Amino acid sequence: MKRMFFYGEKQVKAIEKAFAHRKEGPPQFGDAYSELEIIAQEDGRFSVWGNHGEDSDLLQDTRKDTEKILPELLLLADSVVMEE
């Protein structure tokens, strides 16, 4: 499992990519979160979390990466943590 973290402008770009599949477009979170976290599973699924201090909000439940955006998000991430 990869935990990708995004801050500032990269957070905005990651939100746009992660929610591009939605007909209504990506949600507007503004400065609601200090970081965006995308958790990528080994089988190609991912979830999106908005973190603010010690609190986290699930922004997108785990779904398949049908748009094949995980490699792009990995390159965009400010930091990546690998976990088993």
Protein backbone atom coordinates (compact mmCIF):
# COMPACT_ATOMS: atom_id res chain seq x y z
CA MET A 1 0.00 0.00 0.00
CA LYS A 2 1.21 3.50 -0.83
CA ARG A 3 0.14 6.55 1.13
CA MET A 4 0.63 9.68 -0.97
CA PHE A 5 0.51 13.13 0.60
CA PHE A 6 -0.15 16.42 -1.21
CA TYR A 7 0.12 20.03 -0.01
CA GLY A 8 -0.71 23.47 -1.43
CA GLU A 9 -1.08 23.65 -5.21
CA LYS A 10 -0.27 19.95 -5.58
CA GLN A 11 -3.27 19.23 -3.35
CA VAL A 12 -5.52 21.10 -5.80
CA LYS A 13 -4.06 19.24 -8.81
CA ALA A 14 -4.44 15.88 -7.06
CA ILE A 15 -8.09 16.62 -6.23
CA GLU A 16 -8.73 17.49 -9.87
CA LYS A 17 -7.21 14.21 -11.04
CA ALA A 18 -8.78 12.04 -8.33
CA PHE A 19 -12.28 13.37 -8.98
CA ALA A 20 -12.07 13.81 -12.76
CA HIS A 21 -14.45 10.85 -13.24
CA ARG A 22 -17.34 12.80 -11.67
CA LYS A 23 -19.75 14.45 -14.09
CA GLU A 24 -20.06 17.45 -11.77
CA GLY A 25 -16.28 17.81 -11.61
CA PRO A 26 -14.01 17.86 -8.58
CA PRO A 27 -15.31 19.18 -5.27
CA GLN A 28 -14.08 22.56 -4.02
CA PHE A 29 -12.45 22.14 -0.62
CA GLY A 30 -10.44 25.36 -0.52
CA ASP A 31 -8.23 25.44 2.56
CA ALA A 32 -10.37 22.99 4.51
CA TYR A 33 -7.53 20.45 4.79
CA SER A 34 -3.88 20.85 5.69
CA GLU A 35 -3.05 17.86 3.48
CA LEU A 36 -4.65 15.52 1.01
CA GLU A 37 -3.89 11.82 1.39
CA ILE A 38 -4.46 9.22 -1.31
CA ILE A 39 -4.11 5.61 -0.28
CA ALA A 40 -3.33 3.28 -3.18
CA GLN A 41 -3.84 -0.46 -2.73
CA GLU A 42 -1.68 -3.05 -4.52
CA ASP A 43 -4.68 -4.17 -6.60
CA GLY A 44 -5.13 -0.73 -8.20
CA ARG A 45 -7.85 0.65 -5.92
CA PHE A 46 -7.53 3.94 -4.06
CA SER A 47 -9.29 6.15 -1.53
CA VAL A 48 -8.99 9.89 -0.88
CA TRP A 49 -8.75 11.51 2.55
CA GLY A 50 -8.67 15.12 3.67
CA ASN A 51 -6.51 15.56 6.76
CA HIS A 52 -6.59 18.49 9.14
CA GLY A 53 -4.45 18.08 12.22
CA GLU A 54 -5.40 14.79 13.84
CA ASP A 55 -8.79 14.63 12.12
CA SER A 56 -9.44 13.01 8.75
CA ASP A 57 -12.44 13.01 6.44
CA LEU A 58 -13.06 10.31 3.87
CA LEU A 59 -13.59 12.24 0.63
CA GLN A 60 -13.82 9.22 -1.68
CA ASP A 61 -14.35 5.64 -0.66
CA THR A 62 -12.07 2.98 -2.13
CA ARG A 63 -12.63 2.55 -5.86
CA LYS A 64 -10.84 1.07 -8.86
CA ASP A 65 -8.48 3.28 -10.79
CA THR A 66 -10.37 2.96 -14.07
CA GLU A 67 -8.81 6.20 -15.38
CA LYS A 68 -5.26 4.95 -14.64
CA ILE A 69 -4.32 8.11 -12.73
CA LEU A 70 -2.32 6.53 -9.88
CA PRO A 71 1.04 6.77 -11.72
CA GLU A 72 0.41 10.48 -12.37
CA LEU A 73 -0.56 11.05 -8.74
CA LEU A 74 2.56 9.23 -7.56
CA LEU A 75 4.76 11.63 -9.55
CA LEU A 76 2.82 14.62 -8.20
CA ALA A 77 2.96 13.61 -4.51
CA ASP A 78 4.98 15.69 -2.05
CA SER A 79 5.77 12.54 -0.06
CA VAL A 80 5.04 8.80 -0.27
CA VAL A 81 4.98 6.28 2.55
CA MET A 82 5.07 2.56 1.74
CA GLU A 83 3.20 0.22 4.09
CA GLU A 84 2.41 -3.47 4.07
